[in-house]
Amino acid sequence: MEQLAAESLVFTDLSESHDVSAQHPDRVAQMKTAMLAWRVRMGVAGISGCR
């Protein structure tokens, strides 16, 4: 049920004005891992300004 609530924010908080990362630390960790993997694949992992 918690995941359904988080997914519903996509439709109700279109401007992303509510930071829900503290409520979903596991999802944040998954997203950070995926982003880092993408940056490595794109060859931008070491470029300044990319976090």
Protein backbone atom coordinates (compact mmCIF):
# COMPACT_ATOMS: atom_id res chain seq x y z
CA MET A 1 0.00 0.00 0.00
CA GLU A 2 2.88 2.40 0.76
CA GLN A 3 4.23 2.00 -2.78
CA LEU A 4 0.82 2.80 -4.22
CA ALA A 5 0.74 6.00 -2.15
CA ALA A 6 4.21 6.98 -3.39
CA GLU A 7 3.23 6.31 -6.99
CA SER A 8 0.12 8.43 -6.63
CA LEU A 9 2.36 11.43 -5.83
CA VAL A 10 3.45 11.33 -9.45
CA PHE A 11 -0.03 12.46 -10.39
CA THR A 12 -0.80 14.75 -7.45
CA ASP A 13 2.54 16.55 -7.02
CA LEU A 14 3.42 17.36 -10.61
CA SER A 15 5.65 20.29 -9.60
CA GLU A 16 7.57 18.03 -7.19
CA SER A 17 7.17 20.51 -4.35
CA HIS A 18 7.08 17.83 -1.63
CA ASP A 19 10.32 16.03 -0.75
CA VAL A 20 9.33 12.50 0.22
CA SER A 21 12.84 11.03 0.13
CA ALA A 22 13.02 10.65 3.93
CA GLN A 23 9.85 8.57 3.82
CA HIS A 24 11.25 6.26 1.13
CA PRO A 25 14.97 5.71 1.81
CA ASP A 26 15.06 2.33 0.07
CA ARG A 27 13.66 3.82 -3.13
CA VAL A 28 16.14 6.72 -2.94
CA ALA A 29 19.01 4.24 -2.62
CA GLN A 30 17.75 2.29 -5.65
CA MET A 31 17.46 5.47 -7.69
CA LYS A 32 20.96 6.66 -6.70
CA THR A 33 22.43 3.29 -7.71
CA ALA A 34 20.62 3.38 -11.05
CA MET A 35 21.74 6.96 -11.69
CA LEU A 36 25.38 6.16 -10.91
CA ALA A 37 25.26 3.14 -13.23
CA TRP A 38 23.82 5.31 -16.00
CA ARG A 39 26.51 7.97 -15.46
CA VAL A 40 29.23 5.30 -15.71
CA ARG A 41 27.69 3.95 -18.94
CA MET A 42 27.50 7.46 -20.39
CA GLY A 43 31.06 8.25 -19.35
CA VAL A 44 30.12 11.24 -17.18
CA ALA A 45 30.66 9.77 -13.71
CA GLY A 46 33.77 11.86 -13.05
CA ILE A 47 32.57 15.14 -14.55
CA SER A 48 32.30 18.01 -12.08
CA GLY A 49 28.72 19.10 -11.43
CA CYS A 50 27.23 15.61 -11.86
CA ARG A 51 26.04 14.22 -8.56
